Amino acid sequence: MKEKNLSIGAGLGLLAGIIIGSITENIGLWIALGLSIRADIGGVFDQEKPNNN
């Protein structure tokens, strides 16, 4: 399940990077930033929360 969420985040980051890069005419920068930011966010949400029993 962890890999699935990470790949969804990377895919959304790629899409966002292409859109923002096309608007700002700097697609190379925004593809890299979009992938890294969304993959990091996906990794944070994949972390298991500690059980406080």
PDB file of N, CA and C in Angstrom:
ATOM      1  N   MET A   1       0.825  -1.198   0.000  1.00  0.00           N
ATOM      2  CA  MET A   1       0.000   0.000   0.000  1.00  0.00           C
ATOM      3  C   MET A   1       0.863   1.253   0.000  1.00  0.00           C
ATOM      4  N   LYS A   2       2.038   1.177   0.652  1.00  0.00           N
ATOM      5  CA  LYS A   2       2.913   2.328   0.745  1.00  0.00           C
ATOM      6  C   LYS A   2       3.399   2.766  -0.633  1.00  0.00           C
ATOM      7  N   GLU A   3       3.769   1.799  -1.477  1.00  0.00           N
ATOM      8  CA  GLU A   3       4.265   2.122  -2.804  1.00  0.00           C
ATOM      9  C   GLU A   3       3.165   2.734  -3.667  1.00  0.00           C
ATOM     10  N   LYS A   4       1.935   2.293  -3.456  1.00  0.00           N
ATOM     11  CA  LYS A   4       0.818   2.822  -4.240  1.00  0.00           C
ATOM     12  C   LYS A   4       0.603   4.299  -3.931  1.00  0.00           C
ATOM     13  N   ASN A   5       0.597   4.674  -2.676  1.00  0.00           N
ATOM     14  CA  ASN A   5       0.391   6.073  -2.301  1.00  0.00           C
ATOM     15  C   ASN A   5       1.544   6.946  -2.775  1.00  0.00           C
ATOM     16  N   LEU A   6       2.757   6.410  -2.703  1.00  0.00           N
ATOM     17  CA  LEU A   6       3.914   7.164  -3.156  1.00  0.00           C
ATOM     18  C   LEU A   6       3.862   7.383  -4.660  1.00  0.00           C
ATOM     19  N   SER A   7       3.459   6.367  -5.411  1.00  0.00           N
ATOM     20  CA  SER A   7       3.392   6.517  -6.867  1.00  0.00           C
ATOM     21  C   SER A   7       2.248   7.449  -7.269  1.00  0.00           C
ATOM     22  N   ILE A   8       1.149   7.434  -6.542  1.00  0.00           N
ATOM     23  CA  ILE A   8       0.059   8.378  -6.823  1.00  0.00           C
ATOM     24  C   ILE A   8       0.533   9.802  -6.557  1.00  0.00           C
ATOM     25  N   GLY A   9       1.242   9.995  -5.468  1.00  0.00           N
ATOM     26  CA  GLY A   9       1.783  11.321  -5.157  1.00  0.00           C
ATOM     27  C   GLY A   9       2.772  11.788  -6.209  1.00  0.00           C
ATOM     28  N   ALA A  10       3.628  10.892  -6.681  1.00  0.00           N
ATOM     29  CA  ALA A  10       4.598  11.261  -7.716  1.00  0.00           C
ATOM     30  C   ALA A  10       3.887  11.593  -9.020  1.00  0.00           C
ATOM     31  N   GLY A  11       2.851  10.846  -9.350  1.00  0.00           N
ATOM     32  CA  GLY A  11       2.095  11.124 -10.566  1.00  0.00           C
ATOM     33  C   GLY A  11       1.398  12.467 -10.513  1.00  0.00           C
ATOM     34  N   LEU A  12       0.816  12.780  -9.383  1.00  0.00           N
ATOM     35  CA  LEU A  12       0.166  14.086  -9.226  1.00  0.00           C
ATOM     36  C   LEU A  12       1.194  15.214  -9.253  1.00  0.00           C
ATOM     37  N   GLY A  13       2.363  14.953  -8.684  1.00  0.00           N
ATOM     38  CA  GLY A  13       3.428  15.953  -8.724  1.00  0.00           C
ATOM     39  C   GLY A  13       3.921  16.193 -10.131  1.00  0.00           C
ATOM     40  N   LEU A  14       4.012  15.124 -10.914  1.00  0.00           N
ATOM     41  CA  LEU A  14       4.415  15.268 -12.306  1.00  0.00           C
ATOM     42  C   LEU A  14       3.393  16.096 -13.075  1.00  0.00           C
ATOM     43  N   LEU A  15       2.125  15.818 -12.878  1.00  0.00           N
ATOM     44  CA  LEU A  15       1.068  16.564 -13.544  1.00  0.00           C
ATOM     45  C   LEU A  15       1.092  18.036 -13.128  1.00  0.00           C
ATOM     46  N   ALA A  16       1.222  18.284 -11.852  1.00  0.00           N
ATOM     47  CA  ALA A  16       1.278  19.669 -11.367  1.00  0.00           C
ATOM     48  C   ALA A  16       2.513  20.382 -11.914  1.00  0.00           C
ATOM     49  N   GLY A  17       3.640  19.670 -11.968  1.00  0.00           N
ATOM     50  CA  GLY A  17       4.859  20.269 -12.499  1.00  0.00           C
ATOM     51  C   GLY A  17       4.739  20.631 -13.964  1.00  0.00           C
ATOM     52  N   ILE A  18       4.074  19.779 -14.735  1.00  0.00           N
ATOM     53  CA  ILE A  18       3.879  20.073 -16.157  1.00  0.00           C
ATOM     54  C   ILE A  18       2.976  21.294 -16.336  1.00  0.00           C
ATOM     55  N   ILE A  19       1.915  21.371 -15.549  1.00  0.00           N
ATOM     56  CA  ILE A  19       0.985  22.502 -15.671  1.00  0.00           C
ATOM     57  C   ILE A  19       1.660  23.811 -15.261  1.00  0.00           C
ATOM     58  N   ILE A  20       2.294  23.826 -14.101  1.00  0.00           N
ATOM     59  CA  ILE A  20       2.944  25.056 -13.630  1.00  0.00           C
ATOM     60  C   ILE A  20       4.116  25.414 -14.533  1.00  0.00           C
ATOM     61  N   GLY A  21       4.878  24.412 -14.971  1.00  0.00           N
ATOM     62  CA  GLY A  21       6.004  24.674 -15.856  1.00  0.00           C
ATOM     63  C   GLY A  21       5.584  25.239 -17.193  1.00  0.00           C
ATOM     64  N   SER A  22       4.457  24.785 -17.711  1.00  0.00           N
ATOM     65  CA  SER A  22       3.955  25.323 -18.971  1.00  0.00           C
ATOM     66  C   SER A  22       3.534  26.781 -18.814  1.00  0.00           C
ATOM     67  N   ILE A  23       2.934  27.098 -17.691  1.00  0.00           N
ATOM     68  CA  ILE A  23       2.484  28.471 -17.452  1.00  0.00           C
ATOM     69  C   ILE A  23       3.681  29.401 -17.282  1.00  0.00           C
ATOM     70  N   THR A  24       4.695  28.969 -16.525  1.00  0.00           N
ATOM     71  CA  THR A  24       5.843  29.833 -16.239  1.00  0.00           C
ATOM     72  C   THR A  24       6.953  29.705 -17.275  1.00  0.00           C
ATOM     73  N   GLU A  25       6.789  28.806 -18.243  1.00  0.00           N
ATOM     74  CA  GLU A  25       7.774  28.553 -19.296  1.00  0.00           C
ATOM     75  C   GLU A  25       9.115  28.080 -18.729  1.00  0.00           C
ATOM     76  N   ASN A  26       9.072  27.340 -17.630  1.00  0.00           N
ATOM     77  CA  ASN A  26      10.260  26.745 -17.038  1.00  0.00           C
ATOM     78  C   ASN A  26       9.893  25.323 -16.619  1.00  0.00           C
ATOM     79  N   ILE A  27       9.618  24.487 -17.604  1.00  0.00           N
ATOM     80  CA  ILE A  27       9.042  23.168 -17.335  1.00  0.00           C
ATOM     81  C   ILE A  27      10.024  22.225 -16.635  1.00  0.00           C
ATOM     82  N   GLY A  28      11.310  22.335 -16.949  1.00  0.00           N
ATOM     83  CA  GLY A  28      12.291  21.451 -16.327  1.00  0.00           C
ATOM     84  C   GLY A  28      12.358  21.615 -14.818  1.00  0.00           C
ATOM     85  N   LEU A  29      12.362  22.846 -14.378  1.00  0.00           N
ATOM     86  CA  LEU A  29      12.410  23.131 -12.946  1.00  0.00           C
ATOM     87  C   LEU A  29      11.167  22.614 -12.241  1.00  0.00           C
ATOM     88  N   TRP A  30      10.001  22.884 -12.815  1.00  0.00           N
ATOM     89  CA  TRP A  30       8.754  22.562 -12.130  1.00  0.00           C
ATOM     90  C   TRP A  30       8.431  21.072 -12.146  1.00  0.00           C
ATOM     91  N   ILE A  31       8.890  20.350 -13.160  1.00  0.00           N
ATOM     92  CA  ILE A  31       8.694  18.895 -13.131  1.00  0.00           C
ATOM     93  C   ILE A  31       9.486  18.303 -11.969  1.00  0.00           C
ATOM     94  N   ALA A  32      10.737  18.731 -11.819  1.00  0.00           N
ATOM     95  CA  ALA A  32      11.569  18.223 -10.719  1.00  0.00           C
ATOM     96  C   ALA A  32      10.991  18.614  -9.361  1.00  0.00           C
ATOM     97  N   LEU A  33      10.585  19.859  -9.218  1.00  0.00           N
ATOM     98  CA  LEU A  33      10.016  20.304  -7.945  1.00  0.00           C
ATOM     99  C   LEU A  33       8.701  19.604  -7.634  1.00  0.00           C
ATOM    100  N   GLY A  34       7.857  19.466  -8.638  1.00  0.00           N
ATOM    101  CA  GLY A  34       6.568  18.809  -8.419  1.00  0.00           C
ATOM    102  C   GLY A  34       6.734  17.364  -7.994  1.00  0.00           C
ATOM    103  N   LEU A  35       7.645  16.639  -8.645  1.00  0.00           N
ATOM    104  CA  LEU A  35       7.879  15.238  -8.272  1.00  0.00           C
ATOM    105  C   LEU A  35       8.412  15.116  -6.857  1.00  0.00           C
ATOM    106  N   SER A  36       9.397  15.938  -6.522  1.00  0.00           N
ATOM    107  CA  SER A  36      10.002  15.807  -5.196  1.00  0.00           C
ATOM    108  C   SER A  36       9.056  16.228  -4.083  1.00  0.00           C
ATOM    109  N   ILE A  37       8.323  17.293  -4.294  1.00  0.00           N
ATOM    110  CA  ILE A  37       7.412  17.767  -3.245  1.00  0.00           C
ATOM    111  C   ILE A  37       6.279  16.769  -3.023  1.00  0.00           C
ATOM    112  N   ARG A  38       5.641  16.288  -4.093  1.00  0.00           N
ATOM    113  CA  ARG A  38       4.531  15.351  -3.930  1.00  0.00           C
ATOM    114  C   ARG A  38       4.997  14.001  -3.403  1.00  0.00           C
ATOM    115  N   ALA A  39       6.186  13.555  -3.807  1.00  0.00           N
ATOM    116  CA  ALA A  39       6.686  12.296  -3.278  1.00  0.00           C
ATOM    117  C   ALA A  39       6.972  12.422  -1.781  1.00  0.00           C
ATOM    118  N   ASP A  40       7.494  13.567  -1.360  1.00  0.00           N
ATOM    119  CA  ASP A  40       7.733  13.786   0.069  1.00  0.00           C
ATOM    120  C   ASP A  40       6.429  13.834   0.849  1.00  0.00           C
ATOM    121  N   ILE A  41       5.438  14.493   0.306  1.00  0.00           N
ATOM    122  CA  ILE A  41       4.134  14.566   0.979  1.00  0.00           C
ATOM    123  C   ILE A  41       3.521  13.169   1.064  1.00  0.00           C
ATOM    124  N   GLY A  42       3.620  12.396  -0.012  1.00  0.00           N
ATOM    125  CA  GLY A  42       3.113  11.029   0.016  1.00  0.00           C
ATOM    126  C   GLY A  42       3.831  10.173   1.044  1.00  0.00           C
ATOM    127  N   GLY A  43       5.138  10.368   1.188  1.00  0.00           N
ATOM    128  CA  GLY A  43       5.900   9.626   2.183  1.00  0.00           C
ATOM    129  C   GLY A  43       5.512   9.986   3.600  1.00  0.00           C
ATOM    130  N   VAL A  44       5.203  11.244   3.842  1.00  0.00           N
ATOM    131  CA  VAL A  44       4.785  11.684   5.182  1.00  0.00           C
ATOM    132  C   VAL A  44       3.445  11.064   5.549  1.00  0.00           C
ATOM    133  N   PHE A  45       2.514  11.033   4.606  1.00  0.00           N
ATOM    134  CA  PHE A  45       1.200  10.474   4.895  1.00  0.00           C
ATOM    135  C   PHE A  45       1.232   8.958   5.010  1.00  0.00           C
ATOM    136  N   ASP A  46       2.259   8.303   4.468  1.00  0.00           N
ATOM    137  CA  ASP A  46       2.364   6.855   4.560  1.00  0.00           C
ATOM    138  C   ASP A  46       2.903   6.361   5.894  1.00  0.00           C
ATOM    139  N   GLN A  47       3.517   7.270   6.658  1.00  0.00           N
ATOM    140  CA  GLN A  47       4.097   6.851   7.928  1.00  0.00           C
ATOM    141  C   GLN A  47       3.000   6.395   8.877  1.00  0.00           C
ATOM    142  N   GLU A  48       3.283   5.280   9.555  1.00  0.00           N
ATOM    143  CA  GLU A  48       2.305   4.765  10.513  1.00  0.00           C
ATOM    144  C   GLU A  48       2.314   5.594  11.770  1.00  0.00           C
ATOM    145  N   LYS A  49       1.147   5.842  12.281  1.00  0.00           N
ATOM    146  CA  LYS A  49       1.026   6.600  13.520  1.00  0.00           C
ATOM    147  C   LYS A  49       1.253   5.656  14.706  1.00  0.00           C
ATOM    148  N   PRO A  50       1.945   6.127  15.727  1.00  0.00           N
ATOM    149  CA  PRO A  50       2.175   5.263  16.893  1.00  0.00           C
ATOM    150  C   PRO A  50       0.869   4.961  17.631  1.00  0.00           C
ATOM    151  N   ASN A  51       0.797   3.754  18.149  1.00  0.00           N
ATOM    152  CA  ASN A  51      -0.372   3.333  18.893  1.00  0.00           C
ATOM    153  C   ASN A  51      -0.187   3.709  20.360  1.00  0.00           C
ATOM    154  N   ASN A  52      -1.019   4.564  20.880  1.00  0.00           N
ATOM    155  CA  ASN A  52      -0.870   5.074  22.267  1.00  0.00           C
ATOM    156  C   ASN A  52      -1.771   4.323  23.235  1.00  0.00           C
ATOM    157  N   ASN A  53      -1.676   3.001  23.230  1.00  0.00           N
ATOM    158  CA  ASN A  53      -2.486   2.213  24.178  1.00  0.00           C
ATOM    159  C   ASN A  53      -1.764   1.998  25.464  1.00  0.00           C
TER     160      ASN A  53
END
